[in-house]
Amino acid sequence: MKYKIRVVRGAFIDSSILDNFDAKTIEKLNENDWKSIDEIIVNLKQIRKLQKQMVKHYNNVRVPWYLDGYNLENNDDYIVAFGGDDGNGGKIFEFSLKDKIAINEVISYGISKGIPKEQLDWMNIKF
């Protein structure tokens, strides 16, 4: 299964890892350190590899990065993966965008890790 994923380039110890997946910049960010939001196509095994590298902090070492995206065969099948520094070694949520209970679980998890609710906006962004 392949996923189209959004990820912040500056979240990685070595952001060149994204170039292995032919990353495409979809948005430049004002935060110089964060660089950009990039889009990549990956499978679940590759997502797990990315989680381990997605641990570069700037302001608060307790707040993990996350990546999000959808199954290329069905864009209602969504995935959100928190970085390896989330306290659980990187938690992955796979769910349907029609499943409000699952969506609330992911949002609650992100908030519990210190991510502001307004940043957990993946369900409202199409790419």
C-alpha atoms as a PDB file:
ATOM      1  CA  MET A   1       0.000   0.000   0.000  1.00  0.00           C
ATOM      2  CA  LYS A   2       1.348   3.442  -0.910  1.00  0.00           C
ATOM      3  CA  TYR A   3       0.552   6.695   0.844  1.00  0.00           C
ATOM      4  CA  LYS A   4       0.841  10.307  -0.249  1.00  0.00           C
ATOM      5  CA  ILE A   5       2.351  11.995   2.785  1.00  0.00           C
ATOM      6  CA  ARG A   6       2.944  15.603   3.931  1.00  0.00           C
ATOM      7  CA  VAL A   7       5.928  16.225   6.143  1.00  0.00           C
ATOM      8  CA  VAL A   8       7.903  19.195   7.442  1.00  0.00           C
ATOM      9  CA  ARG A   9      11.407  18.995   5.943  1.00  0.00           C
ATOM     10  CA  GLY A  10      13.023  20.594   8.985  1.00  0.00           C
ATOM     11  CA  ALA A  11      11.698  17.876  11.300  1.00  0.00           C
ATOM     12  CA  PHE A  12      14.431  15.438  10.294  1.00  0.00           C
ATOM     13  CA  ILE A  13      17.906  14.980  11.713  1.00  0.00           C
ATOM     14  CA  ASP A  14      19.054  14.795   8.077  1.00  0.00           C
ATOM     15  CA  SER A  15      16.396  16.182   5.754  1.00  0.00           C
ATOM     16  CA  SER A  16      18.137  14.714   2.704  1.00  0.00           C
ATOM     17  CA  ILE A  17      16.360  11.458   3.622  1.00  0.00           C
ATOM     18  CA  LEU A  18      13.306  12.949   1.903  1.00  0.00           C
ATOM     19  CA  ASP A  19      15.212  13.249  -1.367  1.00  0.00           C
ATOM     20  CA  ASN A  20      15.344   9.440  -1.489  1.00  0.00           C
ATOM     21  CA  PHE A  21      11.571   9.603  -2.023  1.00  0.00           C
ATOM     22  CA  ASP A  22      11.627  12.321  -4.713  1.00  0.00           C
ATOM     23  CA  ALA A  23      10.178  14.874  -2.295  1.00  0.00           C
ATOM     24  CA  LYS A  24       8.204  17.708  -3.828  1.00  0.00           C
ATOM     25  CA  THR A  25       7.910  21.011  -1.948  1.00  0.00           C
ATOM     26  CA  ILE A  26       4.254  21.994  -1.638  1.00  0.00           C
ATOM     27  CA  GLU A  27       4.688  24.965   0.707  1.00  0.00           C
ATOM     28  CA  LYS A  28       7.627  27.112   1.800  1.00  0.00           C
ATOM     29  CA  LEU A  29       7.523  27.956   5.493  1.00  0.00           C
ATOM     30  CA  ASN A  30       8.352  31.241   7.180  1.00  0.00           C
ATOM     31  CA  GLU A  31      10.167  29.401   9.949  1.00  0.00           C
ATOM     32  CA  ASN A  32      13.656  29.161   8.413  1.00  0.00           C
ATOM     33  CA  ASP A  33      14.567  26.044  10.385  1.00  0.00           C
ATOM     34  CA  TRP A  34      11.425  24.214   9.340  1.00  0.00           C
ATOM     35  CA  LYS A  35      12.153  24.932   5.648  1.00  0.00           C
ATOM     36  CA  SER A  36       9.092  23.551   3.858  1.00  0.00           C
ATOM     37  CA  ILE A  37       6.229  21.114   3.768  1.00  0.00           C
ATOM     38  CA  ASP A  38       7.089  18.359   1.346  1.00  0.00           C
ATOM     39  CA  GLU A  39       5.036  15.648  -0.290  1.00  0.00           C
ATOM     40  CA  ILE A  40       6.337  12.111  -0.743  1.00  0.00           C
ATOM     41  CA  ILE A  41       4.953   8.724  -1.784  1.00  0.00           C
ATOM     42  CA  VAL A  42       5.881   5.928   0.659  1.00  0.00           C
ATOM     43  CA  ASN A  43       4.752   2.598   2.046  1.00  0.00           C
ATOM     44  CA  LEU A  44       4.231   1.720   5.727  1.00  0.00           C
ATOM     45  CA  LYS A  45       7.744   0.301   6.145  1.00  0.00           C
ATOM     46  CA  GLN A  46       9.211   3.565   4.832  1.00  0.00           C
ATOM     47  CA  ILE A  47       6.984   5.588   7.167  1.00  0.00           C
ATOM     48  CA  ARG A  48       8.430   3.662  10.106  1.00  0.00           C
ATOM     49  CA  LYS A  49      11.938   4.496   8.891  1.00  0.00           C
ATOM     50  CA  LEU A  50      11.024   8.183   8.600  1.00  0.00           C
ATOM     51  CA  GLN A  51       9.562   8.227  12.127  1.00  0.00           C
ATOM     52  CA  LYS A  52      12.966   7.336  13.592  1.00  0.00           C
ATOM     53  CA  GLN A  53      14.584  10.307  11.829  1.00  0.00           C
ATOM     54  CA  MET A  54      11.785  12.805  12.489  1.00  0.00           C
ATOM     55  CA  VAL A  55      13.141  14.040  15.824  1.00  0.00           C
ATOM     56  CA  LYS A  56      14.837  17.419  15.224  1.00  0.00           C
ATOM     57  CA  HIS A  57      13.592  19.883  17.818  1.00  0.00           C
ATOM     58  CA  TYR A  58      13.714  23.660  17.917  1.00  0.00           C
ATOM     59  CA  ASN A  59      11.592  24.897  20.820  1.00  0.00           C
ATOM     60  CA  ASN A  60      10.328  22.018  22.951  1.00  0.00           C
ATOM     61  CA  VAL A  61      11.878  18.541  23.008  1.00  0.00           C
ATOM     62  CA  ARG A  62       8.696  17.054  24.447  1.00  0.00           C
ATOM     63  CA  VAL A  63       6.523  17.941  21.448  1.00  0.00           C
ATOM     64  CA  PRO A  64       6.912  15.404  18.626  1.00  0.00           C
ATOM     65  CA  TRP A  65       6.615  16.018  14.904  1.00  0.00           C
ATOM     66  CA  TYR A  66       4.062  14.095  12.887  1.00  0.00           C
ATOM     67  CA  LEU A  67       3.424  13.287   9.271  1.00  0.00           C
ATOM     68  CA  ASP A  68       0.074  12.653   7.662  1.00  0.00           C
ATOM     69  CA  GLY A  69      -1.364  11.438   4.401  1.00  0.00           C
ATOM     70  CA  TYR A  70      -3.734   9.149   2.614  1.00  0.00           C
ATOM     71  CA  ASN A  71      -3.825   5.843   0.790  1.00  0.00           C
ATOM     72  CA  LEU A  72      -3.373   6.422  -2.938  1.00  0.00           C
ATOM     73  CA  GLU A  73      -6.062   3.841  -3.696  1.00  0.00           C
ATOM     74  CA  ASN A  74      -8.634   5.412  -1.363  1.00  0.00           C
ATOM     75  CA  ASN A  75      -8.063   8.945  -0.064  1.00  0.00           C
ATOM     76  CA  ASP A  76     -10.597   8.363   2.747  1.00  0.00           C
ATOM     77  CA  ASP A  77      -8.089   5.920   4.278  1.00  0.00           C
ATOM     78  CA  TYR A  78      -5.826   8.200   6.263  1.00  0.00           C
ATOM     79  CA  ILE A  79      -2.606   7.760   8.217  1.00  0.00           C
ATOM     80  CA  VAL A  80      -1.006   9.946  10.891  1.00  0.00           C
ATOM     81  CA  ALA A  81       2.399   8.943  12.253  1.00  0.00           C
ATOM     82  CA  PHE A  82       4.059  10.653  15.200  1.00  0.00           C
ATOM     83  CA  GLY A  83       7.852  10.872  15.386  1.00  0.00           C
ATOM     84  CA  GLY A  84      10.010   8.388  17.235  1.00  0.00           C
ATOM     85  CA  ASP A  85      10.358  10.824  20.132  1.00  0.00           C
ATOM     86  CA  ASP A  86       6.650  10.897  21.040  1.00  0.00           C
ATOM     87  CA  GLY A  87       7.249   8.809  24.156  1.00  0.00           C
ATOM     88  CA  ASN A  88       5.969   5.662  22.450  1.00  0.00           C
ATOM     89  CA  GLY A  89       8.701   5.198  19.863  1.00  0.00           C
ATOM     90  CA  GLY A  90       6.491   6.619  17.146  1.00  0.00           C
ATOM     91  CA  LYS A  91       2.791   5.857  17.107  1.00  0.00           C
ATOM     92  CA  ILE A  92       0.887   5.283  13.859  1.00  0.00           C
ATOM     93  CA  PHE A  93      -2.852   5.743  13.414  1.00  0.00           C
ATOM     94  CA  GLU A  94      -4.615   4.347  10.341  1.00  0.00           C
ATOM     95  CA  PHE A  95      -8.310   5.195  10.006  1.00  0.00           C
ATOM     96  CA  SER A  96     -11.131   6.301   7.753  1.00  0.00           C
ATOM     97  CA  LEU A  97     -11.911  10.006   7.522  1.00  0.00           C
ATOM     98  CA  LYS A  98     -15.537   8.955   8.051  1.00  0.00           C
ATOM     99  CA  ASP A  99     -14.689   7.536  11.494  1.00  0.00           C
ATOM    100  CA  LYS A 100     -15.211  10.491  13.847  1.00  0.00           C
ATOM    101  CA  ILE A 101     -14.261   8.436  16.917  1.00  0.00           C
ATOM    102  CA  ALA A 102     -10.879   7.528  15.398  1.00  0.00           C
ATOM    103  CA  ILE A 103     -10.284  11.134  14.328  1.00  0.00           C
ATOM    104  CA  ASN A 104     -10.974  12.334  17.885  1.00  0.00           C
ATOM    105  CA  GLU A 105      -8.577   9.684  19.222  1.00  0.00           C
ATOM    106  CA  VAL A 106      -5.748  10.944  16.984  1.00  0.00           C
ATOM    107  CA  ILE A 107      -6.436  14.571  17.869  1.00  0.00           C
ATOM    108  CA  SER A 108      -6.557  13.718  21.586  1.00  0.00           C
ATOM    109  CA  TYR A 109      -3.263  11.850  21.277  1.00  0.00           C
ATOM    110  CA  GLY A 110      -1.605  14.821  19.554  1.00  0.00           C
ATOM    111  CA  ILE A 111      -2.911  17.256  22.157  1.00  0.00           C
ATOM    112  CA  SER A 112      -1.663  14.947  24.941  1.00  0.00           C
ATOM    113  CA  LYS A 113       1.819  15.232  23.398  1.00  0.00           C
ATOM    114  CA  GLY A 114       1.689  19.042  23.440  1.00  0.00           C
ATOM    115  CA  ILE A 115       0.700  19.708  19.841  1.00  0.00           C
ATOM    116  CA  PRO A 116      -1.772  22.618  19.637  1.00  0.00           C
ATOM    117  CA  LYS A 117      -5.193  21.492  18.410  1.00  0.00           C
ATOM    118  CA  GLU A 118      -5.126  24.012  15.529  1.00  0.00           C
ATOM    119  CA  GLN A 119      -2.021  22.274  14.160  1.00  0.00           C
ATOM    120  CA  LEU A 120      -3.848  18.949  13.978  1.00  0.00           C
ATOM    121  CA  ASP A 121      -5.681  20.170  10.902  1.00  0.00           C
ATOM    122  CA  TRP A 122      -4.893  17.327   8.516  1.00  0.00           C
ATOM    123  CA  MET A 123      -8.507  16.382   7.854  1.00  0.00           C
ATOM    124  CA  ASN A 124      -9.236  19.807   6.369  1.00  0.00           C
ATOM    125  CA  ILE A 125      -6.257  19.992   3.999  1.00  0.00           C
ATOM    126  CA  LYS A 126      -6.261  18.388   0.570  1.00  0.00           C
ATOM    127  CA  PHE A 127      -3.035  17.793  -1.309  1.00  0.00           C
END
